[in-house]
Amino acid sequence: MSKILLRFQDKVLKEIPLDKEILTIGRKPGNNIHIENLAVSGFHAKVFKDGDRFIIEDLGSLNGTFVNGKKISRHVLRNGDSAIIGKHTLGFVLPETEDAVEQAITERNIKVDETLVLDAQLQQKILNKTYDVMASGGGRDVLGGFTVIEGPTYKSEYELKDRVTTIGKAPDSAIRMKGLFAPRVAALVNRRKEGYFINAVGGTTVKVNGEKIAEKYDLKDGDIVEVGKIRMQFYIKE
């Protein structure tokens, strides 16, 4: 099973299974992985699933997130990776599923017209994989967005193009909230081929069509979403 080993000074404090779509890490109790340390931000980072891979992303933390000794904003995780958050270490135990072709496509974001120095066999594998995805309708994911009805935001409309969209006051939030008491991270919206779902973070109240959601909610065209003082309508593009 994929899991995270939370360590402090070489001692394993906890094993956390990677059985959720999103895990948040931070100093506030509302996080999935709670680290009580002043060097850790309230909502410091998140680990989320994207297809069959896991990604760690910094949430605009004060002291940064480091993976294998390098400061990252977003990083595709591999088995054995080690992340440092404050004074704690997160060790990632993941299945070895990516082969050389998968890694090349993931890390270089390969497109058909890119020029790469590759041996002929690897180049043909990559082209075959790319064309297979195109032929099977890959890249034709549902595309949705939010139209802001009321509330303090920086834009009136947001297209949800990323796999994970952060709603909050943090500078790197895709949907940035205004206000002194707005949470740094209030909610996360996940995009999948079959559609979108939203879930609250850190005890923030999120309502859909006037009802508070207790866990992740699959968004439908026309849903009214309330996060803090923001009220938005979700839509699906034709």
Protein backbone atom coordinates (compact mmCIF):
# COMPACT_ATOMS: atom_id res chain seq x y z
CA MET A 1 0.00 0.00 0.00
CA SER A 2 1.19 3.53 -0.78
CA LYS A 3 1.93 5.45 2.39
CA ILE A 4 3.80 8.31 4.03
CA LEU A 5 6.20 7.80 6.92
CA LEU A 6 6.21 10.85 9.20
CA ARG A 7 9.59 11.08 10.91
CA PHE A 8 11.23 13.32 13.49
CA GLN A 9 14.94 12.92 14.24
CA ASP A 10 15.03 9.52 12.47
CA LYS A 11 12.13 8.19 14.54
CA VAL A 12 8.95 7.19 12.70
CA LEU A 13 6.05 8.93 14.44
CA LYS A 14 3.24 7.75 12.23
CA GLU A 15 2.39 5.87 9.05
CA ILE A 16 -0.26 7.59 6.92
CA PRO A 17 -1.87 5.56 4.11
CA LEU A 18 -2.27 7.38 0.81
CA ASP A 19 -5.90 6.32 0.49
CA LYS A 20 -7.43 9.79 -0.05
CA GLU A 21 -7.51 11.93 -3.17
CA ILE A 22 -5.98 14.83 -1.22
CA LEU A 23 -3.98 15.04 2.01
CA THR A 24 -3.13 18.42 3.51
CA ILE A 25 -0.12 18.98 5.74
CA GLY A 26 0.28 21.81 8.24
CA ARG A 27 0.27 23.18 11.77
CA LYS A 28 -3.49 23.69 12.10
CA PRO A 29 -5.50 20.77 13.50
CA GLY A 30 -7.74 20.60 10.42
CA ASN A 31 -4.95 19.09 8.31
CA ASN A 32 -4.83 15.40 7.46
CA ILE A 33 -1.20 15.37 8.60
CA HIS A 34 -0.95 17.64 11.62
CA ILE A 35 2.58 18.85 12.48
CA GLU A 36 2.74 21.00 15.59
CA ASN A 37 5.84 23.09 14.90
CA LEU A 38 6.28 26.85 14.52
CA ALA A 39 8.39 26.33 11.40
CA VAL A 40 5.36 24.79 9.69
CA SER A 41 2.66 27.00 8.17
CA GLY A 42 -1.02 26.56 9.05
CA PHE A 43 -1.65 24.88 5.69
CA HIS A 44 1.84 24.13 4.45
CA ALA A 45 1.54 21.62 1.62
CA LYS A 46 -0.72 19.02 0.06
CA VAL A 47 -0.29 15.59 -1.50
CA PHE A 48 -2.83 14.63 -4.12
CA LYS A 49 -3.45 11.85 -6.59
CA ASP A 50 -3.36 12.55 -10.32
CA GLY A 51 -4.22 9.40 -12.22
CA ASP A 52 -1.83 6.71 -10.98
CA ARG A 53 0.77 9.12 -9.62
CA PHE A 54 1.06 11.25 -6.48
CA ILE A 55 2.09 14.90 -6.43
CA ILE A 56 3.25 17.09 -3.55
CA GLU A 57 2.60 20.84 -3.80
CA ASP A 58 3.61 23.70 -1.54
CA LEU A 59 0.70 25.93 -0.47
CA GLY A 60 2.63 29.20 -0.29
CA SER A 61 4.27 28.25 3.02
CA LEU A 62 6.58 30.66 4.79
CA ASN A 63 9.57 28.32 5.04
CA GLY A 64 9.02 26.25 1.93
CA THR A 65 8.76 22.55 1.10
CA PHE A 66 11.87 20.57 0.18
CA VAL A 67 12.01 17.25 -1.65
CA ASN A 68 15.30 15.37 -1.83
CA GLY A 69 17.09 18.53 -0.69
CA LYS A 70 15.58 20.86 -3.30
CA LYS A 71 12.92 23.51 -2.71
CA ILE A 72 9.83 22.75 -4.77
CA SER A 73 6.52 24.33 -5.64
CA ARG A 74 5.19 21.07 -7.15
CA HIS A 75 6.85 17.68 -7.51
CA VAL A 76 5.80 14.31 -8.96
CA LEU A 77 6.60 11.79 -6.25
CA ARG A 78 8.52 8.56 -6.67
CA ASN A 79 9.17 5.69 -4.33
CA GLY A 80 11.83 6.67 -1.78
CA ASP A 81 11.39 10.44 -2.12
CA SER A 82 11.91 12.38 1.09
CA ALA A 83 10.21 15.73 1.83
CA ILE A 84 11.24 18.09 4.62
CA ILE A 85 8.55 20.27 6.18
CA GLY A 86 9.79 22.31 9.12
CA LYS A 87 11.83 19.89 11.23
CA HIS A 88 9.90 16.81 10.16
CA THR A 89 10.54 14.43 7.29
CA LEU A 90 7.97 12.70 5.11
CA GLY A 91 9.14 9.48 3.49
CA PHE A 92 7.10 8.23 0.53
CA VAL A 93 6.55 4.52 -0.02
CA LEU A 94 5.05 4.14 -3.48
CA PRO A 95 4.70 1.30 -5.99
CA GLU A 96 7.31 1.24 -8.74
CA THR A 97 4.92 1.65 -11.67
CA GLU A 98 6.56 4.25 -13.92
CA ASP A 99 8.90 2.99 -16.63
CA ALA A 100 11.36 5.13 -18.57
CA VAL A 101 8.73 6.23 -21.08
CA GLU A 102 6.27 7.29 -18.37
CA GLN A 103 8.97 9.27 -16.59
CA ALA A 104 10.06 11.01 -19.77
CA ILE A 105 6.50 12.05 -20.59
CA THR A 106 5.82 13.19 -17.02
CA GLU A 107 9.04 15.15 -16.47
CA ARG A 108 9.51 16.70 -19.91
CA ASN A 109 5.79 17.15 -20.75
CA ILE A 110 6.51 15.67 -24.15
CA LYS A 111 4.45 16.78 -27.15
CA VAL A 112 4.48 15.27 -30.61
CA ASP A 113 6.40 18.19 -32.12
CA GLU A 114 9.10 18.45 -29.42
CA THR A 115 12.70 17.82 -30.48
CA LEU A 116 14.49 15.46 -28.07
CA VAL A 117 17.74 13.52 -28.24
CA LEU A 118 16.44 9.96 -27.81
CA ASP A 119 17.43 6.56 -29.08
CA ALA A 120 15.17 5.33 -31.87
CA GLN A 121 13.43 2.65 -29.78
CA LEU A 122 12.49 5.02 -26.94
CA GLN A 123 11.40 7.71 -29.40
CA GLN A 124 9.05 5.26 -31.14
CA LYS A 125 7.57 4.13 -27.80
CA ILE A 126 6.86 7.73 -26.83
CA LEU A 127 5.24 8.50 -30.18
CA ASN A 128 3.13 5.33 -29.99
CA LYS A 129 1.98 6.20 -26.47
CA THR A 130 1.15 9.78 -27.47
CA TYR A 131 -0.87 8.73 -30.51
CA ASP A 132 -2.67 6.06 -28.46
CA VAL A 133 -3.78 8.74 -26.01
CA MET A 134 -4.92 11.00 -28.84
CA ALA A 135 -6.81 8.18 -30.54
CA SER A 136 -8.57 7.19 -27.35
CA GLY A 137 -9.83 10.72 -26.80
CA GLY A 138 -7.17 11.68 -24.24
CA GLY A 139 -7.02 15.39 -23.59
CA ARG A 140 -10.79 15.75 -24.03
CA ASP A 141 -11.46 16.07 -20.32
CA VAL A 142 -14.55 17.88 -19.14
CA LEU A 143 -13.77 21.57 -18.70
CA GLY A 144 -15.67 23.58 -16.12
CA GLY A 145 -15.44 26.77 -14.15
CA PHE A 146 -17.01 29.14 -11.65
CA THR A 147 -18.90 32.37 -12.24
CA VAL A 148 -18.73 34.57 -9.14
CA ILE A 149 -22.20 35.69 -8.05
CA GLU A 150 -21.11 37.69 -5.03
CA GLY A 151 -18.23 38.05 -2.60
CA PRO A 152 -14.68 39.46 -2.45
CA THR A 153 -12.58 37.84 -5.18
CA TYR A 154 -10.12 39.16 -7.75
CA LYS A 155 -12.00 37.95 -10.84
CA SER A 156 -15.60 37.40 -11.88
CA GLU A 157 -14.98 34.08 -13.62
CA TYR A 158 -12.53 31.21 -13.19
CA GLU A 159 -11.84 28.35 -15.57
CA LEU A 160 -10.80 25.19 -13.71
CA LYS A 161 -8.05 23.89 -15.99
CA ASP A 162 -5.68 22.45 -13.37
CA ARG A 163 -5.98 19.00 -11.85
CA VAL A 164 -6.28 20.61 -8.43
CA THR A 165 -7.54 24.17 -7.91
CA THR A 166 -6.94 25.84 -4.55
CA ILE A 167 -9.46 28.31 -3.11
CA GLY A 168 -8.09 30.54 -0.37
CA LYS A 169 -6.11 33.62 0.58
CA ALA A 170 -2.67 32.12 -0.10
CA PRO A 171 -0.84 33.99 -2.90
CA ASP A 172 -0.68 30.90 -5.11
CA SER A 173 -4.39 30.10 -4.79
CA ALA A 174 -6.07 29.89 -8.20
CA ILE A 175 -9.23 31.43 -6.72
CA ARG A 176 -7.96 34.05 -4.31
CA MET A 177 -10.16 35.18 -1.46
CA LYS A 178 -9.99 38.66 0.01
CA GLY A 179 -10.43 39.63 3.63
CA LEU A 180 -8.33 39.71 6.79
CA PHE A 181 -9.89 36.55 8.22
CA ALA A 182 -10.11 34.55 4.99
CA PRO A 183 -8.29 31.19 5.36
CA ARG A 184 -5.09 30.58 3.43
CA VAL A 185 -6.60 27.40 2.03
CA ALA A 186 -10.37 27.04 2.30
CA ALA A 187 -11.25 24.39 -0.29
CA LEU A 188 -9.81 22.27 -3.07
CA VAL A 189 -11.44 21.42 -6.40
CA ASN A 190 -10.23 18.27 -8.17
CA ARG A 191 -10.59 17.76 -11.89
CA ARG A 192 -10.96 14.26 -13.33
CA LYS A 193 -11.98 12.93 -16.74
CA GLU A 194 -15.45 12.21 -15.39
CA GLY A 195 -15.85 15.69 -13.86
CA TYR A 196 -15.02 17.76 -10.80
CA PHE A 197 -15.38 17.42 -7.05
CA ILE A 198 -14.87 19.87 -4.22
CA ASN A 199 -13.92 19.36 -0.58
CA ALA A 200 -13.40 21.71 2.35
CA VAL A 201 -10.00 22.10 4.03
CA GLY A 202 -9.17 22.83 7.65
CA GLY A 203 -12.69 23.03 9.00
CA THR A 204 -13.84 25.71 6.55
CA THR A 205 -17.58 25.62 5.86
CA VAL A 206 -18.35 24.88 2.22
CA LYS A 207 -21.97 24.80 1.06
CA VAL A 208 -23.38 23.47 -2.19
CA ASN A 209 -26.92 24.55 -3.04
CA GLY A 210 -27.33 25.80 0.53
CA GLU A 211 -26.28 22.53 2.18
CA LYS A 212 -23.02 22.13 4.08
CA ILE A 213 -20.89 19.34 2.64
CA ALA A 214 -19.28 16.91 5.06
CA GLU A 215 -16.91 15.30 2.56
CA LYS A 216 -16.07 15.55 -1.12
CA TYR A 217 -18.96 16.56 -3.36
CA ASP A 218 -19.26 15.80 -7.07
CA LEU A 219 -20.05 19.10 -8.77
CA LYS A 220 -22.84 19.33 -11.34
CA ASP A 221 -23.59 21.99 -13.91
CA GLY A 222 -25.45 24.86 -12.23
CA ASP A 223 -24.46 24.05 -8.62
CA ILE A 224 -24.21 27.08 -6.32
CA VAL A 225 -21.07 26.88 -4.19
CA GLU A 226 -20.40 29.02 -1.11
CA VAL A 227 -16.92 29.25 0.38
CA GLY A 228 -16.64 31.80 3.16
CA LYS A 229 -18.18 34.99 1.82
CA ILE A 230 -17.85 33.94 -1.81
CA ARG A 231 -20.85 32.62 -3.73
CA MET A 232 -20.21 31.08 -7.14
CA GLN A 233 -22.06 29.05 -9.76
CA PHE A 234 -20.34 26.03 -11.23
CA TYR A 235 -20.67 25.44 -14.98
CA ILE A 236 -19.58 22.89 -17.56
CA LYS A 237 -18.40 24.17 -20.92
CA GLU A 238 -20.04 22.63 -23.96
